[in-house]
C-alpha cells in the first residue's frame, strides 16, 4: 500500500507542478498581451480623457460665445432697422452671395 501512496504522491506533485507552470504561463501571456495592447494604443496617437474633456469644454464655451454674438447681431440689426424706419434714408443691403448663403444654411441671418 505504501507503493500506491508513493505513486499517488508523485502524481500529485507532478500535477501541482504542472498547475504552477500553467499559472505562471497564464500570467506571462497576460503581461505580454497587456504590453502589446499598450504599444498598439500608443501607436494610434489617441487623446487622453483629460484632453478630450478640455476640448469639449472649450467647444461649449465657443458655442455659447457664438450664440451671444448672434443675439447681439440680431439686436443691432433690429436697432438699425428701427433707425432706418424713423425717417432716415434707407440704406441698401449688400447682395447675399450664393456661396455664403449655402454655408450658412437656409437662414442667411443665422
PDB file of N, CA and C in Angstrom:
ATOM      1  N   UNK A   1       0.803  -1.185   0.000  1.00  0.00           N
ATOM      2  CA  UNK A   1       0.000   0.000   0.000  1.00  0.00           C
ATOM      3  C   UNK A   1       0.855   1.262   0.000  1.00  0.00           C
ATOM      4  N   UNK A   2       2.027   1.141   0.547  1.00  0.00           N
ATOM      5  CA  UNK A   2       2.905   2.301   0.550  1.00  0.00           C
ATOM      6  C   UNK A   2       3.341   2.673  -0.849  1.00  0.00           C
ATOM      7  N   UNK A   3       3.476   1.674  -1.740  1.00  0.00           N
ATOM      8  CA  UNK A   3       3.871   1.992  -3.098  1.00  0.00           C
ATOM      9  C   UNK A   3       2.786   2.791  -3.800  1.00  0.00           C
ATOM     10  N   UNK A   4       1.548   2.462  -3.536  1.00  0.00           N
ATOM     11  CA  UNK A   4       0.460   3.212  -4.155  1.00  0.00           C
ATOM     12  C   UNK A   4       0.450   4.650  -3.638  1.00  0.00           C
ATOM     13  N   UNK A   5       0.655   4.824  -2.377  1.00  0.00           N
ATOM     14  CA  UNK A   5       0.701   6.171  -1.828  1.00  0.00           C
ATOM     15  C   UNK A   5       1.859   6.954  -2.437  1.00  0.00           C
ATOM     16  N   UNK A   6       2.938   6.283  -2.624  1.00  0.00           N
ATOM     17  CA  UNK A   6       4.102   6.929  -3.232  1.00  0.00           C
ATOM     18  C   UNK A   6       3.799   7.353  -4.665  1.00  0.00           C
ATOM     19  N   UNK A   7       3.128   6.494  -5.422  1.00  0.00           N
ATOM     20  CA  UNK A   7       2.767   6.800  -6.799  1.00  0.00           C
ATOM     21  C   UNK A   7       1.773   7.956  -6.816  1.00  0.00           C
ATOM     22  N   UNK A   8       0.799   7.899  -5.935  1.00  0.00           N
ATOM     23  CA  UNK A   8      -0.178   8.983  -5.857  1.00  0.00           C
ATOM     24  C   UNK A   8       0.488  10.298  -5.433  1.00  0.00           C
ATOM     25  N   UNK A   9       1.413  10.213  -4.492  1.00  0.00           N
ATOM     26  CA  UNK A   9       2.132  11.410  -4.070  1.00  0.00           C
ATOM     27  C   UNK A   9       2.944  11.991  -5.222  1.00  0.00           C
ATOM     28  N   UNK A  10       3.605  11.125  -5.969  1.00  0.00           N
ATOM     29  CA  UNK A  10       4.377  11.593  -7.123  1.00  0.00           C
ATOM     30  C   UNK A  10       3.462  12.237  -8.169  1.00  0.00           C
ATOM     31  N   UNK A  11       2.314  11.610  -8.410  1.00  0.00           N
ATOM     32  CA  UNK A  11       1.374  12.164  -9.387  1.00  0.00           C
ATOM     33  C   UNK A  11       0.824  13.505  -8.903  1.00  0.00           C
ATOM     34  N   UNK A  12       0.579  13.619  -7.615  1.00  0.00           N
ATOM     35  CA  UNK A  12       0.086  14.879  -7.050  1.00  0.00           C
ATOM     36  C   UNK A  12       1.140  15.968  -7.196  1.00  0.00           C
ATOM     37  N   UNK A  13       2.401  15.644  -6.952  1.00  0.00           N
ATOM     38  CA  UNK A  13       3.477  16.621  -7.118  1.00  0.00           C
ATOM     39  C   UNK A  13       3.619  17.056  -8.568  1.00  0.00           C
ATOM     40  N   UNK A  14       3.510  16.111  -9.486  1.00  0.00           N
ATOM     41  CA  UNK A  14       3.600  16.443 -10.913  1.00  0.00           C
ATOM     42  C   UNK A  14       2.425  17.338 -11.315  1.00  0.00           C
ATOM     43  N   UNK A  15       1.227  17.001 -10.819  1.00  0.00           N
ATOM     44  CA  UNK A  15       0.043  17.793 -11.150  1.00  0.00           C
ATOM     45  C   UNK A  15       0.165  19.199 -10.574  1.00  0.00           C
ATOM     46  N   UNK A  16       0.617  19.310  -9.327  1.00  0.00           N
ATOM     47  CA  UNK A  16       0.746  20.652  -8.738  1.00  0.00           C
ATOM     48  C   UNK A  16       1.844  21.439  -9.444  1.00  0.00           C
ATOM     49  N   UNK A  17       2.897  20.766  -9.843  1.00  0.00           N
ATOM     50  CA  UNK A  17       3.950  21.443 -10.616  1.00  0.00           C
ATOM     51  C   UNK A  17       3.418  21.928 -11.950  1.00  0.00           C
ATOM     52  N   UNK A  18       2.608  21.095 -12.606  1.00  0.00           N
ATOM     53  CA  UNK A  18       2.015  21.484 -13.896  1.00  0.00           C
ATOM     54  C   UNK A  18       1.077  22.661 -13.707  1.00  0.00           C
ATOM     55  N   UNK A  19       0.316  22.677 -12.621  1.00  0.00           N
ATOM     56  CA  UNK A  19      -0.589  23.798 -12.352  1.00  0.00           C
ATOM     57  C   UNK A  19       0.204  25.078 -12.111  1.00  0.00           C
ATOM     58  N   UNK A  20       1.317  24.956 -11.415  1.00  0.00           N
ATOM     59  CA  UNK A  20       2.167  26.125 -11.174  1.00  0.00           C
ATOM     60  C   UNK A  20       2.738  26.665 -12.478  1.00  0.00           C
ATOM     61  N   UNK A  21       3.172  25.763 -13.351  1.00  0.00           N
ATOM     62  CA  UNK A  21       3.701  26.174 -14.658  1.00  0.00           C
ATOM     63  C   UNK A  21       2.596  26.814 -15.485  1.00  0.00           C
ATOM     64  N   UNK A  22       1.402  26.219 -15.472  1.00  0.00           N
ATOM     65  CA  UNK A  22       0.280  26.777 -16.238  1.00  0.00           C
ATOM     66  C   UNK A  22      -0.098  28.153 -15.709  1.00  0.00           C
ATOM     67  N   UNK A  23      -0.079  28.310 -14.408  1.00  0.00           N
ATOM     68  CA  UNK A  23      -0.409  29.598 -13.802  1.00  0.00           C
ATOM     69  C   UNK A  23       0.614  30.660 -14.196  1.00  0.00           C
ATOM     70  N   UNK A  24       1.884  30.320 -14.125  1.00  0.00           N
ATOM     71  CA  UNK A  24       2.920  31.293 -14.490  1.00  0.00           C
ATOM     72  C   UNK A  24       2.879  31.591 -15.987  1.00  0.00           C
ATOM     73  N   UNK A  25       2.538  30.588 -16.796  1.00  0.00           N
ATOM     74  CA  UNK A  25       2.407  30.834 -18.240  1.00  0.00           C
ATOM     75  C   UNK A  25       1.251  31.786 -18.514  1.00  0.00           C
ATOM     76  N   UNK A  26       0.142  31.601 -17.800  1.00  0.00           N
ATOM     77  CA  UNK A  26      -1.007  32.481 -17.971  1.00  0.00           C
ATOM     78  C   UNK A  26      -0.631  33.917 -17.607  1.00  0.00           C
ATOM     79  N   UNK A  27       0.074  34.099 -16.500  1.00  0.00           N
ATOM     80  CA  UNK A  27       0.496  35.440 -16.090  1.00  0.00           C
ATOM     81  C   UNK A  27       1.430  36.062 -17.126  1.00  0.00           C
ATOM     82  N   UNK A  28       2.324  35.256 -17.681  1.00  0.00           N
ATOM     83  CA  UNK A  28       3.248  35.762 -18.691  1.00  0.00           C
ATOM     84  C   UNK A  28       2.509  36.158 -19.967  1.00  0.00           C
ATOM     85  N   UNK A  29       1.552  35.333 -20.373  1.00  0.00           N
ATOM     86  CA  UNK A  29       0.763  35.643 -21.570  1.00  0.00           C
ATOM     87  C   UNK A  29      -0.042  36.921 -21.345  1.00  0.00           C
ATOM     88  N   UNK A  30      -0.641  37.063 -20.165  1.00  0.00           N
ATOM     89  CA  UNK A  30      -1.398  38.275 -19.862  1.00  0.00           C
ATOM     90  C   UNK A  30      -0.501  39.506 -19.896  1.00  0.00           C
ATOM     91  N   UNK A  31       0.689  39.392 -19.333  1.00  0.00           N
ATOM     92  CA  UNK A  31       1.625  40.521 -19.322  1.00  0.00           C
ATOM     93  C   UNK A  31       2.038  40.896 -20.745  1.00  0.00           C
ATOM     94  N   UNK A  32       2.300  39.894 -21.566  1.00  0.00           N
ATOM     95  CA  UNK A  32       2.686  40.183 -22.954  1.00  0.00           C
ATOM     96  C   UNK A  32       1.528  40.798 -23.744  1.00  0.00           C
ATOM     97  N   UNK A  33       0.321  40.284 -23.521  1.00  0.00           N
ATOM     98  CA  UNK A  33      -0.850  40.849 -24.210  1.00  0.00           C
ATOM     99  C   UNK A  33      -1.072  42.302 -23.773  1.00  0.00           C
ATOM    100  N   UNK A  34      -0.942  42.553 -22.489  1.00  0.00           N
ATOM    101  CA  UNK A  34      -1.115  43.909 -21.978  1.00  0.00           C
ATOM    102  C   UNK A  34      -0.067  44.844 -22.595  1.00  0.00           C
ATOM    103  N   UNK A  35       1.167  44.387 -22.679  1.00  0.00           N
ATOM    104  CA  UNK A  35       2.230  45.190 -23.277  1.00  0.00           C
ATOM    105  C   UNK A  35       1.944  45.440 -24.760  1.00  0.00           C
ATOM    106  N   UNK A  36       1.450  44.432 -25.443  1.00  0.00           N
ATOM    107  CA  UNK A  36       1.124  44.571 -26.868  1.00  0.00           C
ATOM    108  C   UNK A  36      -0.007  45.590 -27.067  1.00  0.00           C
ATOM    109  N   UNK A  37      -1.058  45.502 -26.225  1.00  0.00           N
ATOM    110  CA  UNK A  37      -2.153  46.462 -26.327  1.00  0.00           C
ATOM    111  C   UNK A  37      -1.688  47.881 -26.017  1.00  0.00           C
ATOM    112  N   UNK A  38      -0.835  48.013 -24.998  1.00  0.00           N
ATOM    113  CA  UNK A  38      -0.304  49.342 -24.676  1.00  0.00           C
ATOM    114  C   UNK A  38       0.486  49.913 -25.853  1.00  0.00           C
ATOM    115  N   UNK A  39       1.285  49.074 -26.487  1.00  0.00           N
ATOM    116  CA  UNK A  39       2.064  49.526 -27.632  1.00  0.00           C
ATOM    117  C   UNK A  39       1.155  49.919 -28.791  1.00  0.00           C
ATOM    118  N   UNK A  40       0.134  49.099 -29.056  1.00  0.00           N
ATOM    119  CA  UNK A  40      -0.806  49.408 -30.137  1.00  0.00           C
ATOM    120  C   UNK A  40      -1.540  50.721 -29.873  1.00  0.00           C
ATOM    121  N   UNK A  41      -2.029  50.893 -28.664  1.00  0.00           N
ATOM    122  CA  UNK A  41      -2.745  52.125 -28.328  1.00  0.00           C
ATOM    123  C   UNK A  41      -1.808  53.330 -28.368  1.00  0.00           C
ATOM    124  N   UNK A  42      -0.561  53.131 -27.980  1.00  0.00           N
ATOM    125  CA  UNK A  42       0.416  54.216 -28.058  1.00  0.00           C
ATOM    126  C   UNK A  42       0.702  54.611 -29.492  1.00  0.00           C
ATOM    127  N   UNK A  43       0.719  53.646 -30.399  1.00  0.00           N
ATOM    128  CA  UNK A  43       0.962  53.936 -31.810  1.00  0.00           C
ATOM    129  C   UNK A  43      -0.216  54.635 -32.464  1.00  0.00           C
ATOM    130  N   UNK A  44      -1.426  54.465 -31.907  1.00  0.00           N
ATOM    131  CA  UNK A  44      -2.621  55.068 -32.503  1.00  0.00           C
ATOM    132  C   UNK A  44      -2.706  56.564 -32.242  1.00  0.00           C
ATOM    133  N   UNK A  45      -1.899  57.087 -31.331  1.00  0.00           N
ATOM    134  CA  UNK A  45      -1.883  58.515 -31.028  1.00  0.00           C
ATOM    135  C   UNK A  45      -3.276  59.000 -30.617  1.00  0.00           C
ATOM    136  N   UNK A  46      -3.882  58.311 -29.659  1.00  0.00           N
ATOM    137  CA  UNK A  46      -5.200  58.669 -29.159  1.00  0.00           C
ATOM    138  C   UNK A  46      -5.073  59.777 -28.111  1.00  0.00           C
ATOM    139  N   UNK A  47      -6.132  60.554 -27.959  1.00  0.00           N
ATOM    140  CA  UNK A  47      -6.125  61.605 -26.944  1.00  0.00           C
ATOM    141  C   UNK A  47      -6.529  61.006 -25.602  1.00  0.00           C
ATOM    142  N   UNK A  48      -6.076  61.650 -24.547  1.00  0.00           N
ATOM    143  CA  UNK A  48      -6.457  61.191 -23.221  1.00  0.00           C
ATOM    144  C   UNK A  48      -7.834  61.749 -22.871  1.00  0.00           C
ATOM    145  N   UNK A  49      -8.432  61.189 -21.865  1.00  0.00           N
ATOM    146  CA  UNK A  49      -9.753  61.658 -21.430  1.00  0.00           C
ATOM    147  C   UNK A  49      -9.675  63.114 -20.982  1.00  0.00           C
ATOM    148  N   UNK A  50      -8.603  63.489 -20.288  1.00  0.00           N
ATOM    149  CA  UNK A  50      -8.459  64.876 -19.827  1.00  0.00           C
ATOM    150  C   UNK A  50      -8.399  65.844 -21.005  1.00  0.00           C
ATOM    151  N   UNK A  51      -7.622  65.488 -22.044  1.00  0.00           N
ATOM    152  CA  UNK A  51      -7.543  66.346 -23.227  1.00  0.00           C
ATOM    153  C   UNK A  51      -8.904  66.460 -23.908  1.00  0.00           C
ATOM    154  N   UNK A  52      -9.619  65.334 -24.005  1.00  0.00           N
ATOM    155  CA  UNK A  52     -10.931  65.340 -24.648  1.00  0.00           C
ATOM    156  C   UNK A  52     -11.902  66.225 -23.883  1.00  0.00           C
ATOM    157  N   UNK A  53     -11.936  66.081 -22.563  1.00  0.00           N
ATOM    158  CA  UNK A  53     -12.848  66.887 -21.756  1.00  0.00           C
ATOM    159  C   UNK A  53     -12.504  68.365 -21.824  1.00  0.00           C
ATOM    160  N   UNK A  54     -11.208  68.698 -21.880  1.00  0.00           N
ATOM    161  CA  UNK A  54     -10.803  70.095 -22.002  1.00  0.00           C
ATOM    162  C   UNK A  54     -11.276  70.680 -23.332  1.00  0.00           C
ATOM    163  N   UNK A  55     -11.125  69.922 -24.415  1.00  0.00           N
ATOM    164  CA  UNK A  55     -11.574  70.407 -25.719  1.00  0.00           C
ATOM    165  C   UNK A  55     -13.095  70.490 -25.782  1.00  0.00           C
ATOM    166  N   UNK A  56     -13.781  69.583 -25.110  1.00  0.00           N
ATOM    167  CA  UNK A  56     -15.239  69.613 -25.070  1.00  0.00           C
ATOM    168  C   UNK A  56     -15.717  70.873 -24.346  1.00  0.00           C
ATOM    169  N   UNK A  57     -15.066  71.228 -23.244  1.00  0.00           N
ATOM    170  CA  UNK A  57     -15.422  72.444 -22.511  1.00  0.00           C
ATOM    171  C   UNK A  57     -15.123  73.677 -23.350  1.00  0.00           C
ATOM    172  N   UNK A  58     -14.002  73.660 -24.069  1.00  0.00           N
ATOM    173  CA  UNK A  58     -13.647  74.780 -24.935  1.00  0.00           C
ATOM    174  C   UNK A  58     -14.678  74.950 -26.044  1.00  0.00           C
ATOM    175  N   UNK A  59     -15.126  73.858 -26.626  1.00  0.00           N
ATOM    176  CA  UNK A  59     -16.138  73.928 -27.679  1.00  0.00           C
ATOM    177  C   UNK A  59     -17.463  74.443 -27.132  1.00  0.00           C
ATOM    178  N   UNK A  60     -17.818  74.051 -25.914  1.00  0.00           N
ATOM    179  CA  UNK A  60     -19.067  74.533 -25.309  1.00  0.00           C
ATOM    180  C   UNK A  60     -18.990  76.045 -25.077  1.00  0.00           C
ATOM    181  N   UNK A  61     -17.838  76.525 -24.595  1.00  0.00           N
ATOM    182  CA  UNK A  61     -17.681  77.971 -24.394  1.00  0.00           C
ATOM    183  C   UNK A  61     -17.733  78.716 -25.719  1.00  0.00           C
ATOM    184  N   UNK A  62     -17.125  78.158 -26.751  1.00  0.00           N
ATOM    185  CA  UNK A  62     -17.153  78.803 -28.072  1.00  0.00           C
ATOM    186  C   UNK A  62     -18.578  78.840 -28.616  1.00  0.00           C
ATOM    187  N   UNK A  63     -19.330  77.771 -28.408  1.00  0.00           N
ATOM    188  CA  UNK A  63     -20.723  77.728 -28.853  1.00  0.00           C
ATOM    189  C   UNK A  63     -21.551  78.791 -28.131  1.00  0.00           C
ATOM    190  N   UNK A  64     -21.342  78.946 -26.811  1.00  0.00           N
ATOM    191  CA  UNK A  64     -22.066  79.965 -26.045  1.00  0.00           C
ATOM    192  C   UNK A  64     -21.701  81.362 -26.530  1.00  0.00           C
ATOM    193  N   UNK A  65     -20.423  81.587 -26.790  1.00  0.00           N
ATOM    194  CA  UNK A  65     -19.993  82.893 -27.282  1.00  0.00           C
ATOM    195  C   UNK A  65     -20.605  83.185 -28.647  1.00  0.00           C
ATOM    196  N   UNK A  66     -20.674  82.181 -29.514  1.00  0.00           N
ATOM    197  CA  UNK A  66     -21.277  82.357 -30.834  1.00  0.00           C
ATOM    198  C   UNK A  66     -22.756  82.693 -30.702  1.00  0.00           C
ATOM    199  N   UNK A  67     -23.449  82.035 -29.796  1.00  0.00           N
ATOM    200  CA  UNK A  67     -24.871  82.324 -29.585  1.00  0.00           C
ATOM    201  C   UNK A  67     -25.067  83.740 -29.054  1.00  0.00           C
ATOM    202  N   UNK A  68     -24.187  84.178 -28.131  1.00  0.00           N
ATOM    203  CA  UNK A  68     -24.267  85.547 -27.613  1.00  0.00           C
ATOM    204  C   UNK A  68     -24.042  86.562 -28.727  1.00  0.00           C
ATOM    205  N   UNK A  69     -23.063  86.291 -29.579  1.00  0.00           N
ATOM    206  CA  UNK A  69     -22.792  87.207 -30.691  1.00  0.00           C
ATOM    207  C   UNK A  69     -23.950  87.241 -31.677  1.00  0.00           C
ATOM    208  N   UNK A  70     -24.593  86.103 -31.900  1.00  0.00           N
ATOM    209  CA  UNK A  70     -25.751  86.071 -32.798  1.00  0.00           C
ATOM    210  C   UNK A  70     -26.889  86.911 -32.221  1.00  0.00           C
ATOM    211  N   UNK A  71     -27.093  86.836 -30.903  1.00  0.00           N
ATOM    212  CA  UNK A  71     -28.124  87.656 -30.264  1.00  0.00           C
ATOM    213  C   UNK A  71     -27.790  89.147 -30.377  1.00  0.00           C
ATOM    214  N   UNK A  72     -26.527  89.486 -30.146  1.00  0.00           N
ATOM    215  CA  UNK A  72     -26.117  90.899 -30.259  1.00  0.00           C
ATOM    216  C   UNK A  72     -26.298  91.401 -31.685  1.00  0.00           C
ATOM    217  N   UNK A  73     -25.960  90.567 -32.659  1.00  0.00           N
ATOM    218  CA  UNK A  73     -26.118  90.953 -34.063  1.00  0.00           C
ATOM    219  C   UNK A  73     -27.592  91.175 -34.395  1.00  0.00           C
ATOM    220  N   UNK A  74     -28.445  90.279 -33.917  1.00  0.00           N
ATOM    221  CA  UNK A  74     -29.875  90.437 -34.178  1.00  0.00           C
ATOM    222  C   UNK A  74     -30.400  91.723 -33.543  1.00  0.00           C
ATOM    223  N   UNK A  75     -29.943  92.046 -32.332  1.00  0.00           N
ATOM    224  CA  UNK A  75     -30.371  93.278 -31.672  1.00  0.00           C
ATOM    225  C   UNK A  75     -29.879  94.503 -32.435  1.00  0.00           C
ATOM    226  N   UNK A  76     -28.643  94.459 -32.899  1.00  0.00           N
ATOM    227  CA  UNK A  76     -28.098  95.588 -33.669  1.00  0.00           C
ATOM    228  C   UNK A  76     -28.829  95.758 -35.000  1.00  0.00           C
ATOM    229  N   UNK A  77     -29.158  94.648 -35.653  1.00  0.00           N
ATOM    230  CA  UNK A  77     -29.900  94.732 -36.909  1.00  0.00           C
ATOM    231  C   UNK A  77     -31.290  95.307 -36.677  1.00  0.00           C
ATOM    232  N   UNK A  78     -31.932  94.910 -35.574  1.00  0.00           N
ATOM    233  CA  UNK A  78     -33.252  95.459 -35.252  1.00  0.00           C
ATOM    234  C   UNK A  78     -33.154  96.947 -34.952  1.00  0.00           C
ATOM    235  N   UNK A  79     -32.113  97.330 -34.243  1.00  0.00           N
ATOM    236  CA  UNK A  79     -31.902  98.759 -33.928  1.00  0.00           C
ATOM    237  C   UNK A  79     -31.643  99.549 -35.206  1.00  0.00           C
ATOM    238  N   UNK A  80     -30.847  98.998 -36.113  1.00  0.00           N
ATOM    239  CA  UNK A  80     -30.562  99.663 -37.383  1.00  0.00           C
ATOM    240  C   UNK A  80     -31.834  99.792 -38.210  1.00  0.00           C
ATOM    241  N   UNK A  81     -32.645  98.752 -38.231  1.00  0.00           N
ATOM    242  CA  UNK A  81     -33.900  98.793 -38.980  1.00  0.00           C
ATOM    243  C   UNK A  81     -34.826  99.852 -38.386  1.00  0.00           C
ATOM    244  N   UNK A  82     -34.834  99.968 -37.065  1.00  0.00           N
ATOM    245  CA  UNK A  82     -35.672 100.980 -36.419  1.00  0.00           C
ATOM    246  C   UNK A  82     -35.183 102.380 -36.755  1.00  0.00           C
ATOM    247  N   UNK A  83     -33.871 102.565 -36.788  1.00  0.00           N
ATOM    248  CA  UNK A  83     -33.321 103.883 -37.134  1.00  0.00           C
ATOM    249  C   UNK A  83     -33.604 104.226 -38.593  1.00  0.00           C
ATOM    250  N   UNK A  84     -33.513 103.244 -39.477  1.00  0.00           N
ATOM    251  CA  UNK A  84     -33.790 103.486 -40.890  1.00  0.00           C
ATOM    252  C   UNK A  84     -35.269 103.798 -41.100  1.00  0.00           C
ATOM    253  N   UNK A  85     -36.122 103.170 -40.329  1.00  0.00           N
ATOM    254  CA  UNK A  85     -37.550 103.387 -40.459  1.00  0.00           C
ATOM    255  C   UNK A  85     -38.005 104.693 -39.816  1.00  0.00           C
ATOM    256  N   UNK A  86     -37.175 105.340 -39.025  1.00  0.00           N
ATOM    257  CA  UNK A  86     -37.541 106.560 -38.307  1.00  0.00           C
ATOM    258  C   UNK A  86     -37.337 107.808 -39.153  1.00  0.00           C
ATOM    259  N   UNK A  87     -37.134 107.689 -40.420  1.00  0.00           N
ATOM    260  CA  UNK A  87     -37.041 108.863 -41.264  1.00  0.00           C
ATOM    261  C   UNK A  87     -35.720 109.027 -41.975  1.00  0.00           C
ATOM    262  N   UNK A  88     -34.779 108.274 -41.631  1.00  0.00           N
ATOM    263  CA  UNK A  88     -33.513 108.379 -42.341  1.00  0.00           C
ATOM    264  C   UNK A  88     -33.629 107.627 -43.656  1.00  0.00           C
ATOM    265  N   UNK A  89     -32.776 107.962 -44.576  1.00  0.00           N
ATOM    266  CA  UNK A  89     -32.803 107.306 -45.884  1.00  0.00           C
ATOM    267  C   UNK A  89     -32.435 105.837 -45.715  1.00  0.00           C
ATOM    268  N   UNK A  90     -33.211 104.954 -46.294  1.00  0.00           N
ATOM    269  CA  UNK A  90     -32.895 103.529 -46.151  1.00  0.00           C
ATOM    270  C   UNK A  90     -31.595 103.184 -46.865  1.00  0.00           C
ATOM    271  N   UNK A  91     -30.787 102.456 -46.188  1.00  0.00           N
ATOM    272  CA  UNK A  91     -29.518 102.029 -46.768  1.00  0.00           C
ATOM    273  C   UNK A  91     -29.755 100.760 -47.568  1.00  0.00           C
ATOM    274  N   UNK A  92     -29.034 100.633 -48.662  1.00  0.00           N
ATOM    275  CA  UNK A  92     -29.166  99.426 -49.479  1.00  0.00           C
ATOM    276  C   UNK A  92     -28.421  98.289 -48.811  1.00  0.00           C
ATOM    277  N   UNK A  93     -29.061  97.154 -48.845  1.00  0.00           N
ATOM    278  CA  UNK A  93     -28.399  95.964 -48.301  1.00  0.00           C
ATOM    279  C   UNK A  93     -27.441  95.417 -49.345  1.00  0.00           C
ATOM    280  N   UNK A  94     -26.343  94.903 -48.875  1.00  0.00           N
ATOM    281  CA  UNK A  94     -25.384  94.272 -49.779  1.00  0.00           C
ATOM    282  C   UNK A  94     -25.984  92.962 -50.261  1.00  0.00           C
ATOM    283  N   UNK A  95     -25.817  92.618 -51.527  1.00  0.00           N
ATOM    284  CA  UNK A  95     -26.382  91.360 -52.022  1.00  0.00           C
ATOM    285  C   UNK A  95     -25.722  90.171 -51.320  1.00  0.00           C
ATOM    286  N   UNK A  96     -26.543  89.180 -51.036  1.00  0.00           N
ATOM    287  CA  UNK A  96     -26.052  87.976 -50.384  1.00  0.00           C
ATOM    288  C   UNK A  96     -25.482  87.048 -51.454  1.00  0.00           C
ATOM    289  N   UNK A  97     -24.263  86.617 -51.240  1.00  0.00           N
ATOM    290  CA  UNK A  97     -23.644  85.693 -52.189  1.00  0.00           C
ATOM    291  C   UNK A  97     -24.246  84.309 -52.013  1.00  0.00           C
ATOM    292  N   UNK A  98     -24.365  83.583 -53.105  1.00  0.00           N
ATOM    293  CA  UNK A  98     -24.955  82.249 -53.039  1.00  0.00           C
ATOM    294  C   UNK A  98     -24.094  81.311 -52.212  1.00  0.00           C
ATOM    295  N   UNK A  99     -22.774  81.406 -52.328  1.00  0.00           N
ATOM    296  CA  UNK A  99     -21.893  80.516 -51.581  1.00  0.00           C
ATOM    297  C   UNK A  99     -22.023  80.791 -50.094  1.00  0.00           C
ATOM    298  N   UNK A 100     -22.129  82.060 -49.703  1.00  0.00           N
ATOM    299  CA  UNK A 100     -22.272  82.392 -48.290  1.00  0.00           C
ATOM    300  C   UNK A 100     -23.609  81.911 -47.765  1.00  0.00           C
ATOM    301  N   UNK A 101     -24.655  82.001 -48.574  1.00  0.00           N
ATOM    302  CA  UNK A 101     -25.972  81.539 -48.154  1.00  0.00           C
ATOM    303  C   UNK A 101     -25.979  80.022 -47.984  1.00  0.00           C
ATOM    304  N   UNK A 102     -25.263  79.296 -48.844  1.00  0.00           N
ATOM    305  CA  UNK A 102     -25.195  77.836 -48.721  1.00  0.00           C
ATOM    306  C   UNK A 102     -24.464  77.437 -47.451  1.00  0.00           C
ATOM    307  N   UNK A 103     -23.378  78.131 -47.123  1.00  0.00           N
ATOM    308  CA  UNK A 103     -22.614  77.803 -45.920  1.00  0.00           C
ATOM    309  C   UNK A 103     -23.437  78.068 -44.668  1.00  0.00           C
ATOM    310  N   UNK A 104     -24.204  79.139 -44.684  1.00  0.00           N
ATOM    311  CA  UNK A 104     -24.981  79.498 -43.513  1.00  0.00           C
ATOM    312  C   UNK A 104     -26.227  78.632 -43.379  1.00  0.00           C
ATOM    313  N   UNK A 105     -26.610  77.930 -44.409  1.00  0.00           N
ATOM    314  CA  UNK A 105     -27.818  77.106 -44.367  1.00  0.00           C
ATOM    315  C   UNK A 105     -28.956  77.831 -45.040  1.00  0.00           C
ATOM    316  N   UNK A 106     -30.165  77.456 -44.722  1.00  0.00           N
ATOM    317  CA  UNK A 106     -31.337  78.071 -45.339  1.00  0.00           C
ATOM    318  C   UNK A 106     -31.590  79.463 -44.797  1.00  0.00           C
ATOM    319  N   UNK A 107     -31.151  79.752 -43.581  1.00  0.00           N
ATOM    320  CA  UNK A 107     -31.409  81.042 -42.952  1.00  0.00           C
ATOM    321  C   UNK A 107     -30.165  81.909 -43.092  1.00  0.00           C
ATOM    322  N   UNK A 108     -30.144  82.914 -43.984  1.00  0.00           N
ATOM    323  CA  UNK A 108     -28.942  83.724 -44.152  1.00  0.00           C
ATOM    324  C   UNK A 108     -28.643  84.589 -42.937  1.00  0.00           C
ATOM    325  N   UNK A 109     -29.606  84.840 -42.034  1.00  0.00           N
ATOM    326  CA  UNK A 109     -29.348  85.664 -40.854  1.00  0.00           C
ATOM    327  C   UNK A 109     -28.658  84.881 -39.755  1.00  0.00           C
ATOM    328  N   UNK A 110     -28.621  83.559 -39.858  1.00  0.00           N
ATOM    329  CA  UNK A 110     -28.043  82.743 -38.770  1.00  0.00           C
ATOM    330  C   UNK A 110     -26.576  82.621 -38.880  1.00  0.00           C
TER     331      UNK A 110
END
